[in-house]
Amino acid sequence: MALKTAVRVFSRSIPGRVTQAAAAALALGASEAPAFLALARHDSASALRELAMIPDSLCVDADCDAATLTQAQLLAAAGRQGEALRILPPRNALFGSLLMVPNELLRARLLEAQGERAAALDAYVWVTKVWRSPDPALRAFVAEARNGIRRLRGERGPAAKRLGADR
């Protein structure tokens, strides 16, 4: 609550000088803060509730990618894969975002868990193509995607051929 008050006071203190984008970023930060503070306290249930309360209207002028990815990760961890998939933005919606690849890797995991093997394979392959030569800190993501590809292509028979085992 103190952060929301601070944002209000800050916004009023310099009328006419705060752009719409800056105001939206401040409002989003104030809405996200309780969720990330809950995560810092290892309270994922509260974090999930707080993230779900962020109004979509804030995401029109501000970047909600981190909040959305975090919410999807928490939903997935709670066994709510379908909900997690539904809130992940489409692959192309995040073009240029730093979270584009982590979003797609999560999508691949969720699709695989739901038995949507062809779509999961496509997502894993996309991750490996985008991060073909990853920095050391990102290699684990690519290794996970490659393992997913091997796992999904590992089945032999008609299903494997449909999934692109011949690529």
Foldseek 3Di string as FASTA:
>chain_A
DVLVVVLVVVCVVDDPPQDPLNNLASVVCVLQVVLVVCVVVVNLVRNLVSLVPPDVVSVVSYPCQVSLLSNLVSCVVVVNLVVSLVSQDDLVVQVPPPCSLVSLLSNLVSCVVVVVLLSSLVSLVVSCVVPVPPDPVCVVSNVSSVVSNCVSCVDDDPSNVVSPVVD
